[in-house]
Amino acid sequence: MKILVATEKPFAKAAVDGIRQIVEQAGHELLLLEKYTDVNALYAAVAEVDALIVRSDKVTAEVIDAAKNLKIVVRAGAGYDNLNLPACTANNIVAMNTPGQNSNAVAELALGIMVYMSRNSFNPGTGSELKGKKLGIHAYGNVGRLVAKIAKGFNMKVYAFDPFVSAERMKEEGIIAVSSVEELYATCHFISLHIPANEQTRKSIGYALLSGMPKGGCLINTARKEVIHEEEMIKAMEERADLKYGTDIAPENHTLMVEKFGIRYFATPKKMGAETAEANINAGLAAASQIVRFFETGDKTFQVNK
C-alpha cells in the first residue's frame, strides 16, 4: 500500500522517521509531500495513494475526488473539521483522528493561559492566584480530564459539566459534577472550554453564560473559535469590566477585542495547543499505527464518519 503524509506544516523529523519505520516495517511504501504551497500539488500527490495522513491540511471533496485509490485518511490530532466527512463516506473512505495524543500539550497550555490572565497578562499590578478558585471544565473528555488533574495541583476546586460522562465517574476522580452548563458558568471563576464545533455548539457560548459568571470570571478556550458568539461576548465584556477571555484560537474580531479590552483579552498568535515536540511525534506515530492496523485487521476504532 502507498501511504502519503501530506503536511503543509511538516511533522518534526523524529516524527517522520518514526512514521517511516512503522509504515515500512509493515511492508508499505511511505510518500511525503511537505511545505506545499499549491493545492494542485496535493491533488497530484494523492492520485495513486491508498492512505493519507494530514495535520491541519484540508481534505476537501476535490482532494478526495483526486484520490481514486484512497481507502483511509487520518487526521493527526483530535479535531477533524478539516476533513470533509460526507465526501469520505460517499467514496467509502474511512476517516479517523488520533484522540488523546495532543491532550497533555493542550491541557498544559490551558493552565498556562489561566495563570497569564490571572496575573494581568504579566503586566504590573496586583493579580490573583489560582489557589482556592473554582474551575469549571466544559466537556470532561481527554483534555478536560487532564486540565482538572493539573488544576488540582494548584489547589483549585474543580467542577465539570458533560452530559456524556456520569456524575459517579466524575466524583470518583475528585470532580464536582453539575447538572447544567448554566450552573457551571454561574459557579466558577474560570471556565476551561473543550467542546467540539458542531451544529449544536456553534455560537453557543454567548451573553447569557458569560454575563452570569462570578466577579472576575475568565473563560479559557483551547477548543474552537466557532463555539463563541463573538458579538455577544463583546456585549458581556463591555458591560462587565471584570470579565476576561484567553484563547488559543484568535476570533474573527481579534483586532477589535484587543482595542476594546486590552489585557482582559489574550489570543495566541496562532493555534498552538498541540505545538509541542512530544505531541507532534505522538500524533504522527498514532496515525501511522492506525493505518497499519486498518490494513492488517480492518481495525476502525477511531473512525469519525461512521
C-alpha atoms as a PDB file:
ATOM      1  CA  MET A   1       0.000   0.000   0.000  1.00  0.00           C
ATOM      2  CA  LYS A   2       1.105   3.570  -0.655  1.00  0.00           C
ATOM      3  CA  ILE A   3       0.760   5.856   2.366  1.00  0.00           C
ATOM      4  CA  LEU A   4       1.138   9.614   1.883  1.00  0.00           C
ATOM      5  CA  VAL A   5       1.992  12.120   4.593  1.00  0.00           C
ATOM      6  CA  ALA A   6       0.784  15.480   3.244  1.00  0.00           C
ATOM      7  CA  THR A   7       1.678  18.345   5.552  1.00  0.00           C
ATOM      8  CA  GLU A   8       1.818  22.000   4.592  1.00  0.00           C
ATOM      9  CA  LYS A   9       3.396  22.428   8.019  1.00  0.00           C
ATOM     10  CA  PRO A  10       5.614  19.322   8.360  1.00  0.00           C
ATOM     11  CA  PHE A  11       5.949  16.972  11.282  1.00  0.00           C
ATOM     12  CA  ALA A  12       9.198  17.107  13.220  1.00  0.00           C
ATOM     13  CA  LYS A  13      11.951  14.933  11.735  1.00  0.00           C
ATOM     14  CA  ALA A  14      11.692  12.493  14.635  1.00  0.00           C
ATOM     15  CA  ALA A  15       8.004  12.041  13.874  1.00  0.00           C
ATOM     16  CA  VAL A  16       8.610  11.464  10.158  1.00  0.00           C
ATOM     17  CA  ASP A  17      11.364   8.952  10.954  1.00  0.00           C
ATOM     18  CA  GLY A  18       9.039   7.116  13.317  1.00  0.00           C
ATOM     19  CA  ILE A  19       6.182   7.104  10.809  1.00  0.00           C
ATOM     20  CA  ARG A  20       8.516   5.739   8.142  1.00  0.00           C
ATOM     21  CA  GLN A  21       9.678   2.948  10.439  1.00  0.00           C
ATOM     22  CA  ILE A  22       6.106   1.908  11.292  1.00  0.00           C
ATOM     23  CA  VAL A  23       4.958   2.031   7.678  1.00  0.00           C
ATOM     24  CA  GLU A  24       7.947   0.270   6.097  1.00  0.00           C
ATOM     25  CA  GLN A  25       8.202  -2.434   8.766  1.00  0.00           C
ATOM     26  CA  ALA A  26       4.611  -3.318   7.895  1.00  0.00           C
ATOM     27  CA  GLY A  27       5.605  -3.664   4.231  1.00  0.00           C
ATOM     28  CA  HIS A  28       4.047  -0.462   2.929  1.00  0.00           C
ATOM     29  CA  GLU A  29       5.541   2.456   0.965  1.00  0.00           C
ATOM     30  CA  LEU A  30       5.773   5.933   2.502  1.00  0.00           C
ATOM     31  CA  LEU A  31       5.452   9.075   0.381  1.00  0.00           C
ATOM     32  CA  LEU A  32       5.985  12.636   1.619  1.00  0.00           C
ATOM     33  CA  LEU A  33       4.520  15.955   0.490  1.00  0.00           C
ATOM     34  CA  GLU A  34       5.794  18.723   2.775  1.00  0.00           C
ATOM     35  CA  LYS A  35       5.592  22.522   2.737  1.00  0.00           C
ATOM     36  CA  TYR A  36       3.424  22.564  -0.379  1.00  0.00           C
ATOM     37  CA  THR A  37       2.009  25.964  -1.339  1.00  0.00           C
ATOM     38  CA  ASP A  38      -0.313  24.962  -4.184  1.00  0.00           C
ATOM     39  CA  VAL A  39      -3.309  22.687  -3.646  1.00  0.00           C
ATOM     40  CA  ASN A  40      -2.669  21.246  -7.103  1.00  0.00           C
ATOM     41  CA  ALA A  41       0.449  19.618  -5.657  1.00  0.00           C
ATOM     42  CA  LEU A  42      -1.794  17.848  -3.162  1.00  0.00           C
ATOM     43  CA  TYR A  43      -4.196  16.755  -5.904  1.00  0.00           C
ATOM     44  CA  ALA A  44      -1.283  15.229  -7.824  1.00  0.00           C
ATOM     45  CA  ALA A  45       0.255  13.573  -4.753  1.00  0.00           C
ATOM     46  CA  VAL A  46      -2.942  11.778  -3.674  1.00  0.00           C
ATOM     47  CA  ALA A  47      -3.711  10.410  -7.146  1.00  0.00           C
ATOM     48  CA  GLU A  48      -2.480   6.866  -6.516  1.00  0.00           C
ATOM     49  CA  VAL A  49      -2.185   6.539  -2.735  1.00  0.00           C
ATOM     50  CA  ASP A  50      -4.154   4.132  -0.569  1.00  0.00           C
ATOM     51  CA  ALA A  51      -3.867   6.075   2.704  1.00  0.00           C
ATOM     52  CA  LEU A  52      -3.355   9.688   3.719  1.00  0.00           C
ATOM     53  CA  ILE A  53      -2.049  11.317   6.900  1.00  0.00           C
ATOM     54  CA  VAL A  54      -2.596  15.058   7.403  1.00  0.00           C
ATOM     55  CA  ARG A  55      -2.307  17.597  10.182  1.00  0.00           C
ATOM     56  CA  SER A  56      -4.433  20.725   9.670  1.00  0.00           C
ATOM     57  CA  ASP A  57      -4.408  20.295   5.898  1.00  0.00           C
ATOM     58  CA  LYS A  58      -7.878  20.449   4.348  1.00  0.00           C
ATOM     59  CA  VAL A  59      -9.085  17.198   2.835  1.00  0.00           C
ATOM     60  CA  THR A  60     -11.834  18.617   0.637  1.00  0.00           C
ATOM     61  CA  ALA A  61     -14.228  16.934  -1.766  1.00  0.00           C
ATOM     62  CA  GLU A  62     -11.802  17.935  -4.520  1.00  0.00           C
ATOM     63  CA  VAL A  63      -8.901  16.210  -2.779  1.00  0.00           C
ATOM     64  CA  ILE A  64     -10.984  13.077  -2.303  1.00  0.00           C
ATOM     65  CA  ASP A  65     -12.093  13.150  -5.921  1.00  0.00           C
ATOM     66  CA  ALA A  66      -8.444  13.240  -6.989  1.00  0.00           C
ATOM     67  CA  ALA A  67      -7.574  10.277  -4.751  1.00  0.00           C
ATOM     68  CA  LYS A  68      -9.076   7.419  -6.721  1.00  0.00           C
ATOM     69  CA  ASN A  69      -7.459   4.657  -4.641  1.00  0.00           C
ATOM     70  CA  LEU A  70      -7.842   6.241  -1.207  1.00  0.00           C
ATOM     71  CA  LYS A  71      -9.216   3.923   1.457  1.00  0.00           C
ATOM     72  CA  ILE A  72      -8.373   5.742   4.704  1.00  0.00           C
ATOM     73  CA  VAL A  73      -7.429   9.262   5.817  1.00  0.00           C
ATOM     74  CA  VAL A  74      -6.177  10.034   9.323  1.00  0.00           C
ATOM     75  CA  ARG A  75      -6.019  13.492  10.833  1.00  0.00           C
ATOM     76  CA  ALA A  76      -3.064  13.506  13.244  1.00  0.00           C
ATOM     77  CA  GLY A  77      -4.801  15.284  16.102  1.00  0.00           C
ATOM     78  CA  ALA A  78      -8.111  15.350  17.932  1.00  0.00           C
ATOM     79  CA  GLY A  79     -10.145  17.815  15.855  1.00  0.00           C
ATOM     80  CA  TYR A  80     -11.174  16.689  12.388  1.00  0.00           C
ATOM     81  CA  ASP A  81     -13.198  19.570  10.961  1.00  0.00           C
ATOM     82  CA  ASN A  82     -10.587  19.849   8.196  1.00  0.00           C
ATOM     83  CA  LEU A  83     -11.846  16.527   6.792  1.00  0.00           C
ATOM     84  CA  ASN A  84     -14.892  16.509   4.509  1.00  0.00           C
ATOM     85  CA  LEU A  85     -16.667  13.606   6.183  1.00  0.00           C
ATOM     86  CA  PRO A  86     -19.659  13.369   3.812  1.00  0.00           C
ATOM     87  CA  ALA A  87     -17.289  13.152   0.842  1.00  0.00           C
ATOM     88  CA  CYS A  88     -15.260  10.471   2.629  1.00  0.00           C
ATOM     89  CA  THR A  89     -18.381   8.462   3.369  1.00  0.00           C
ATOM     90  CA  ALA A  90     -19.724   8.843  -0.167  1.00  0.00           C
ATOM     91  CA  ASN A  91     -16.458   7.421  -1.501  1.00  0.00           C
ATOM     92  CA  ASN A  92     -16.217   4.576   1.051  1.00  0.00           C
ATOM     93  CA  ILE A  93     -13.176   6.158   2.693  1.00  0.00           C
ATOM     94  CA  VAL A  94     -12.638   5.634   6.414  1.00  0.00           C
ATOM     95  CA  ALA A  95     -11.819   8.908   8.187  1.00  0.00           C
ATOM     96  CA  MET A  96     -10.065   8.835  11.566  1.00  0.00           C
ATOM     97  CA  ASN A  97      -8.500  11.157  14.114  1.00  0.00           C
ATOM     98  CA  THR A  98      -5.943  10.373  16.829  1.00  0.00           C
ATOM     99  CA  PRO A  99      -7.721  11.304  20.062  1.00  0.00           C
ATOM    100  CA  GLY A 100      -5.660  11.809  23.191  1.00  0.00           C
ATOM    101  CA  GLN A 101      -2.272  12.244  21.539  1.00  0.00           C
ATOM    102  CA  ASN A 102      -2.251  16.042  21.917  1.00  0.00           C
ATOM    103  CA  SER A 103      -4.232  16.160  25.145  1.00  0.00           C
ATOM    104  CA  ASN A 104      -1.453  16.878  27.622  1.00  0.00           C
ATOM    105  CA  ALA A 105       0.002  19.652  25.463  1.00  0.00           C
ATOM    106  CA  VAL A 106      -3.402  21.353  25.206  1.00  0.00           C
ATOM    107  CA  ALA A 107      -4.115  20.913  28.912  1.00  0.00           C
ATOM    108  CA  GLU A 108      -0.803  22.475  29.926  1.00  0.00           C
ATOM    109  CA  LEU A 109      -1.471  25.424  27.611  1.00  0.00           C
ATOM    110  CA  ALA A 110      -4.919  25.943  29.138  1.00  0.00           C
ATOM    111  CA  LEU A 111      -3.387  26.231  32.604  1.00  0.00           C
ATOM    112  CA  GLY A 112      -0.624  28.467  31.247  1.00  0.00           C
ATOM    113  CA  ILE A 113      -3.164  30.892  29.795  1.00  0.00           C
ATOM    114  CA  MET A 114      -5.078  30.722  33.071  1.00  0.00           C
ATOM    115  CA  VAL A 115      -2.003  31.816  35.038  1.00  0.00           C
ATOM    116  CA  TYR A 116      -1.239  34.519  32.462  1.00  0.00           C
ATOM    117  CA  MET A 117      -4.742  36.000  32.663  1.00  0.00           C
ATOM    118  CA  SER A 118      -4.868  35.868  36.452  1.00  0.00           C
ATOM    119  CA  ARG A 119      -1.578  37.813  36.616  1.00  0.00           C
ATOM    120  CA  ASN A 120      -2.744  40.736  34.451  1.00  0.00           C
ATOM    121  CA  SER A 121      -1.086  39.300  31.344  1.00  0.00           C
ATOM    122  CA  PHE A 122       2.228  39.697  33.191  1.00  0.00           C
ATOM    123  CA  ASN A 123       1.792  43.461  33.395  1.00  0.00           C
ATOM    124  CA  PRO A 124       2.460  45.497  36.560  1.00  0.00           C
ATOM    125  CA  GLY A 125      -0.335  45.485  39.098  1.00  0.00           C
ATOM    126  CA  THR A 126      -1.923  43.176  41.606  1.00  0.00           C
ATOM    127  CA  GLY A 127      -3.084  39.904  40.108  1.00  0.00           C
ATOM    128  CA  SER A 128      -4.645  36.886  41.753  1.00  0.00           C
ATOM    129  CA  GLU A 129      -3.721  33.290  42.494  1.00  0.00           C
ATOM    130  CA  LEU A 130      -5.386  30.153  41.174  1.00  0.00           C
ATOM    131  CA  LYS A 131      -5.319  28.523  44.608  1.00  0.00           C
ATOM    132  CA  GLY A 132      -8.809  28.222  46.035  1.00  0.00           C
ATOM    133  CA  LYS A 133     -10.546  29.376  42.855  1.00  0.00           C
ATOM    134  CA  LYS A 134     -13.362  27.388  41.278  1.00  0.00           C
ATOM    135  CA  LEU A 135     -12.565  25.930  37.852  1.00  0.00           C
ATOM    136  CA  GLY A 136     -15.281  24.675  35.552  1.00  0.00           C
ATOM    137  CA  ILE A 137     -14.430  22.078  32.911  1.00  0.00           C
ATOM    138  CA  HIS A 138     -16.859  22.400  29.994  1.00  0.00           C
ATOM    139  CA  ALA A 139     -16.639  18.919  28.407  1.00  0.00           C
ATOM    140  CA  TYR A 140     -14.860  16.319  30.505  1.00  0.00           C
ATOM    141  CA  GLY A 141     -13.019  14.383  27.795  1.00  0.00           C
ATOM    142  CA  ASN A 142      -9.328  13.633  27.305  1.00  0.00           C
ATOM    143  CA  VAL A 143      -8.179  17.253  27.568  1.00  0.00           C
ATOM    144  CA  GLY A 144     -10.714  18.327  30.175  1.00  0.00           C
ATOM    145  CA  ARG A 145      -9.735  15.456  32.454  1.00  0.00           C
ATOM    146  CA  LEU A 146      -6.045  16.430  32.263  1.00  0.00           C
ATOM    147  CA  VAL A 147      -6.836  20.108  32.893  1.00  0.00           C
ATOM    148  CA  ALA A 148      -8.725  19.037  36.006  1.00  0.00           C
ATOM    149  CA  LYS A 149      -5.841  16.874  37.193  1.00  0.00           C
ATOM    150  CA  ILE A 150      -3.291  19.683  36.779  1.00  0.00           C
ATOM    151  CA  ALA A 151      -5.633  22.260  38.325  1.00  0.00           C
ATOM    152  CA  LYS A 152      -5.980  20.174  41.473  1.00  0.00           C
ATOM    153  CA  GLY A 153      -2.218  20.542  41.847  1.00  0.00           C
ATOM    154  CA  PHE A 154      -2.863  24.295  42.063  1.00  0.00           C
ATOM    155  CA  ASN A 155      -5.395  23.553  44.828  1.00  0.00           C
ATOM    156  CA  MET A 156      -8.295  24.703  42.682  1.00  0.00           C
ATOM    157  CA  LYS A 157     -11.799  23.382  43.309  1.00  0.00           C
ATOM    158  CA  VAL A 158     -12.818  21.635  40.092  1.00  0.00           C
ATOM    159  CA  TYR A 159     -16.330  21.347  38.670  1.00  0.00           C
ATOM    160  CA  ALA A 160     -17.395  19.834  35.353  1.00  0.00           C
ATOM    161  CA  PHE A 161     -20.328  19.580  33.002  1.00  0.00           C
ATOM    162  CA  ASP A 162     -20.529  16.845  30.394  1.00  0.00           C
ATOM    163  CA  PRO A 163     -23.807  15.103  29.566  1.00  0.00           C
ATOM    164  CA  PHE A 164     -21.860  12.120  28.214  1.00  0.00           C
ATOM    165  CA  VAL A 165     -19.891  11.440  31.417  1.00  0.00           C
ATOM    166  CA  SER A 166     -21.606  10.144  34.546  1.00  0.00           C
ATOM    167  CA  ALA A 167     -21.587  12.125  37.767  1.00  0.00           C
ATOM    168  CA  GLU A 168     -20.374   8.972  39.517  1.00  0.00           C
ATOM    169  CA  ARG A 169     -17.255   8.797  37.365  1.00  0.00           C
ATOM    170  CA  MET A 170     -16.507  12.477  37.971  1.00  0.00           C
ATOM    171  CA  LYS A 171     -16.963  12.015  41.705  1.00  0.00           C
ATOM    172  CA  GLU A 172     -14.547   9.072  41.676  1.00  0.00           C
ATOM    173  CA  GLU A 173     -11.957  11.379  40.100  1.00  0.00           C
ATOM    174  CA  GLY A 174     -12.479  14.130  42.651  1.00  0.00           C
ATOM    175  CA  ILE A 175     -14.591  16.339  40.395  1.00  0.00           C
ATOM    176  CA  ILE A 176     -17.856  18.054  41.346  1.00  0.00           C
ATOM    177  CA  ALA A 177     -20.448  17.336  38.653  1.00  0.00           C
ATOM    178  CA  VAL A 178     -23.050  19.993  37.857  1.00  0.00           C
ATOM    179  CA  SER A 179     -26.351  19.361  36.138  1.00  0.00           C
ATOM    180  CA  SER A 180     -26.303  22.138  33.542  1.00  0.00           C
ATOM    181  CA  VAL A 181     -23.950  24.363  31.587  1.00  0.00           C
ATOM    182  CA  GLU A 182     -25.679  27.375  33.146  1.00  0.00           C
ATOM    183  CA  GLU A 183     -24.817  26.117  36.630  1.00  0.00           C
ATOM    184  CA  LEU A 184     -21.200  25.583  35.613  1.00  0.00           C
ATOM    185  CA  TYR A 185     -20.727  29.152  34.371  1.00  0.00           C
ATOM    186  CA  ALA A 186     -22.638  30.701  37.270  1.00  0.00           C
ATOM    187  CA  THR A 187     -20.486  28.798  39.794  1.00  0.00           C
ATOM    188  CA  CYS A 188     -16.914  29.004  38.510  1.00  0.00           C
ATOM    189  CA  HIS A 189     -14.311  31.792  38.417  1.00  0.00           C
ATOM    190  CA  PHE A 190     -12.555  30.094  35.499  1.00  0.00           C
ATOM    191  CA  ILE A 191     -14.075  28.044  32.696  1.00  0.00           C
ATOM    192  CA  SER A 192     -11.870  25.806  30.557  1.00  0.00           C
ATOM    193  CA  LEU A 193     -13.694  25.151  27.298  1.00  0.00           C
ATOM    194  CA  HIS A 194     -13.278  21.841  25.441  1.00  0.00           C
ATOM    195  CA  ILE A 195     -16.433  21.330  23.385  1.00  0.00           C
ATOM    196  CA  PRO A 196     -16.252  20.490  19.657  1.00  0.00           C
ATOM    197  CA  ALA A 197     -17.669  22.752  16.953  1.00  0.00           C
ATOM    198  CA  ASN A 198     -20.864  21.257  15.536  1.00  0.00           C
ATOM    199  CA  GLU A 199     -24.436  22.246  14.770  1.00  0.00           C
ATOM    200  CA  GLN A 200     -25.373  22.110  18.444  1.00  0.00           C
ATOM    201  CA  THR A 201     -22.401  24.055  19.796  1.00  0.00           C
ATOM    202  CA  ARG A 202     -21.625  26.777  17.235  1.00  0.00           C
ATOM    203  CA  LYS A 203     -22.076  30.217  18.856  1.00  0.00           C
ATOM    204  CA  SER A 204     -23.403  28.510  21.996  1.00  0.00           C
ATOM    205  CA  ILE A 205     -21.105  30.438  24.363  1.00  0.00           C
ATOM    206  CA  GLY A 206     -22.600  33.896  24.498  1.00  0.00           C
ATOM    207  CA  TYR A 207     -24.022  36.684  26.593  1.00  0.00           C
ATOM    208  CA  ALA A 208     -26.248  34.652  28.902  1.00  0.00           C
ATOM    209  CA  LEU A 209     -23.485  32.322  30.061  1.00  0.00           C
ATOM    210  CA  LEU A 210     -20.686  34.903  30.235  1.00  0.00           C
ATOM    211  CA  SER A 211     -22.657  37.618  31.988  1.00  0.00           C
ATOM    212  CA  GLY A 212     -23.707  35.096  34.614  1.00  0.00           C
ATOM    213  CA  MET A 213     -20.139  34.258  35.687  1.00  0.00           C
ATOM    214  CA  PRO A 214     -18.891  35.282  39.157  1.00  0.00           C
ATOM    215  CA  LYS A 215     -16.930  38.509  39.627  1.00  0.00           C
ATOM    216  CA  GLY A 216     -13.548  38.264  37.927  1.00  0.00           C
ATOM    217  CA  GLY A 217     -14.779  35.465  35.664  1.00  0.00           C
ATOM    218  CA  CYS A 218     -12.374  34.249  32.987  1.00  0.00           C
ATOM    219  CA  LEU A 219     -13.094  31.989  30.012  1.00  0.00           C
ATOM    220  CA  ILE A 220     -10.196  29.926  28.610  1.00  0.00           C
ATOM    221  CA  ASN A 221     -10.760  28.499  25.136  1.00  0.00           C
ATOM    222  CA  THR A 222      -8.427  25.856  23.703  1.00  0.00           C
ATOM    223  CA  ALA A 223     -11.212  24.265  21.657  1.00  0.00           C
ATOM    224  CA  ARG A 224     -12.665  26.043  18.609  1.00  0.00           C
ATOM    225  CA  LYS A 225     -13.435  29.696  17.852  1.00  0.00           C
ATOM    226  CA  GLU A 226     -16.737  28.771  16.207  1.00  0.00           C
ATOM    227  CA  VAL A 227     -18.325  27.889  19.549  1.00  0.00           C
ATOM    228  CA  ILE A 228     -18.049  31.518  20.720  1.00  0.00           C
ATOM    229  CA  HIS A 229     -20.760  34.030  19.867  1.00  0.00           C
ATOM    230  CA  GLU A 230     -18.321  36.888  19.329  1.00  0.00           C
ATOM    231  CA  GLU A 231     -20.823  39.747  19.252  1.00  0.00           C
ATOM    232  CA  GLU A 232     -22.453  38.603  22.477  1.00  0.00           C
ATOM    233  CA  MET A 233     -19.051  38.133  24.110  1.00  0.00           C
ATOM    234  CA  ILE A 234     -18.200  41.759  23.329  1.00  0.00           C
ATOM    235  CA  LYS A 235     -21.500  42.877  24.835  1.00  0.00           C
ATOM    236  CA  ALA A 236     -20.866  40.917  28.040  1.00  0.00           C
ATOM    237  CA  MET A 237     -17.295  42.217  28.383  1.00  0.00           C
ATOM    238  CA  GLU A 238     -18.411  45.799  27.716  1.00  0.00           C
ATOM    239  CA  GLU A 239     -20.997  45.575  30.492  1.00  0.00           C
ATOM    240  CA  ARG A 240     -18.699  43.695  32.893  1.00  0.00           C
ATOM    241  CA  ALA A 241     -15.245  45.284  33.235  1.00  0.00           C
ATOM    242  CA  ASP A 242     -14.126  42.301  35.335  1.00  0.00           C
ATOM    243  CA  LEU A 243     -14.621  39.612  32.694  1.00  0.00           C
ATOM    244  CA  LYS A 244     -11.610  38.159  30.844  1.00  0.00           C
ATOM    245  CA  TYR A 245     -11.100  35.946  27.823  1.00  0.00           C
ATOM    246  CA  GLY A 246      -7.974  33.946  26.964  1.00  0.00           C
ATOM    247  CA  THR A 247      -7.948  31.842  23.821  1.00  0.00           C
ATOM    248  CA  ASP A 248      -5.721  29.640  21.689  1.00  0.00           C
ATOM    249  CA  ILE A 249      -7.871  30.430  18.644  1.00  0.00           C
ATOM    250  CA  ALA A 250      -7.996  34.092  17.675  1.00  0.00           C
ATOM    251  CA  PRO A 251     -11.573  35.194  16.928  1.00  0.00           C
ATOM    252  CA  GLU A 252     -12.627  36.886  13.717  1.00  0.00           C
ATOM    253  CA  ASN A 253     -12.840  40.193  15.606  1.00  0.00           C
ATOM    254  CA  HIS A 254      -9.389  39.843  17.193  1.00  0.00           C
ATOM    255  CA  THR A 255      -8.270  43.408  16.411  1.00  0.00           C
ATOM    256  CA  LEU A 256     -11.459  44.857  17.875  1.00  0.00           C
ATOM    257  CA  MET A 257     -11.083  42.734  21.010  1.00  0.00           C
ATOM    258  CA  VAL A 258      -7.513  43.998  21.526  1.00  0.00           C
ATOM    259  CA  GLU A 259      -8.623  47.603  21.094  1.00  0.00           C
ATOM    260  CA  LYS A 260     -11.607  47.312  23.407  1.00  0.00           C
ATOM    261  CA  PHE A 261     -10.336  45.130  26.209  1.00  0.00           C
ATOM    262  CA  GLY A 262      -6.538  45.373  26.391  1.00  0.00           C
ATOM    263  CA  ILE A 263      -5.081  42.958  28.921  1.00  0.00           C
ATOM    264  CA  ARG A 264      -8.509  41.486  29.681  1.00  0.00           C
ATOM    265  CA  TYR A 265      -8.182  39.667  26.371  1.00  0.00           C
ATOM    266  CA  PHE A 266      -5.419  37.419  25.037  1.00  0.00           C
ATOM    267  CA  ALA A 267      -5.098  35.212  21.960  1.00  0.00           C
ATOM    268  CA  THR A 268      -2.076  33.179  20.932  1.00  0.00           C
ATOM    269  CA  PRO A 269      -0.581  34.317  17.598  1.00  0.00           C
ATOM    270  CA  LYS A 270      -1.680  31.002  16.076  1.00  0.00           C
ATOM    271  CA  LYS A 271      -3.331  27.851  17.397  1.00  0.00           C
ATOM    272  CA  MET A 272      -0.564  26.237  19.422  1.00  0.00           C
ATOM    273  CA  GLY A 273      -2.277  23.789  21.756  1.00  0.00           C
ATOM    274  CA  ALA A 274      -0.626  20.828  20.072  1.00  0.00           C
ATOM    275  CA  GLU A 275       2.598  22.645  19.228  1.00  0.00           C
ATOM    276  CA  THR A 276       4.992  20.643  21.356  1.00  0.00           C
ATOM    277  CA  ALA A 277       7.637  18.211  20.180  1.00  0.00           C
ATOM    278  CA  GLU A 278       6.018  15.443  22.185  1.00  0.00           C
ATOM    279  CA  ALA A 279       2.503  15.972  20.791  1.00  0.00           C
ATOM    280  CA  ASN A 280       3.862  16.308  17.259  1.00  0.00           C
ATOM    281  CA  ILE A 281       5.556  12.930  17.478  1.00  0.00           C
ATOM    282  CA  ASN A 282       2.756  11.168  19.361  1.00  0.00           C
ATOM    283  CA  ALA A 283       0.036  12.157  16.876  1.00  0.00           C
ATOM    284  CA  GLY A 284       2.106  11.211  13.827  1.00  0.00           C
ATOM    285  CA  LEU A 285       3.063   7.796  15.176  1.00  0.00           C
ATOM    286  CA  ALA A 286      -0.516   7.109  16.232  1.00  0.00           C
ATOM    287  CA  ALA A 287      -1.794   7.972  12.747  1.00  0.00           C
ATOM    288  CA  ALA A 288       0.702   5.601  11.113  1.00  0.00           C
ATOM    289  CA  SER A 289      -0.099   2.793  13.552  1.00  0.00           C
ATOM    290  CA  GLN A 290      -3.845   3.191  12.991  1.00  0.00           C
ATOM    291  CA  ILE A 291      -3.397   2.926   9.224  1.00  0.00           C
ATOM    292  CA  VAL A 292      -1.249  -0.192   9.557  1.00  0.00           C
ATOM    293  CA  ARG A 293      -3.813  -1.842  11.840  1.00  0.00           C
ATOM    294  CA  PHE A 294      -6.600  -0.887   9.419  1.00  0.00           C
ATOM    295  CA  PHE A 295      -4.872  -2.623   6.528  1.00  0.00           C
ATOM    296  CA  GLU A 296      -3.852  -5.630   8.626  1.00  0.00           C
ATOM    297  CA  THR A 297      -7.041  -6.334  10.565  1.00  0.00           C
ATOM    298  CA  GLY A 298      -9.691  -3.852   9.404  1.00  0.00           C
ATOM    299  CA  ASP A 299      -9.490  -2.010  12.739  1.00  0.00           C
ATOM    300  CA  LYS A 300     -11.698   1.120  12.614  1.00  0.00           C
ATOM    301  CA  THR A 301     -11.523   2.056  16.291  1.00  0.00           C
ATOM    302  CA  PHE A 302     -11.105   5.795  15.763  1.00  0.00           C
ATOM    303  CA  GLN A 303     -13.355   6.192  12.733  1.00  0.00           C
ATOM    304  CA  VAL A 304     -15.237   9.522  12.807  1.00  0.00           C
ATOM    305  CA  ASN A 305     -17.504   9.087   9.774  1.00  0.00           C
ATOM    306  CA  LYS A 306     -19.469   6.068  10.951  1.00  0.00           C
END
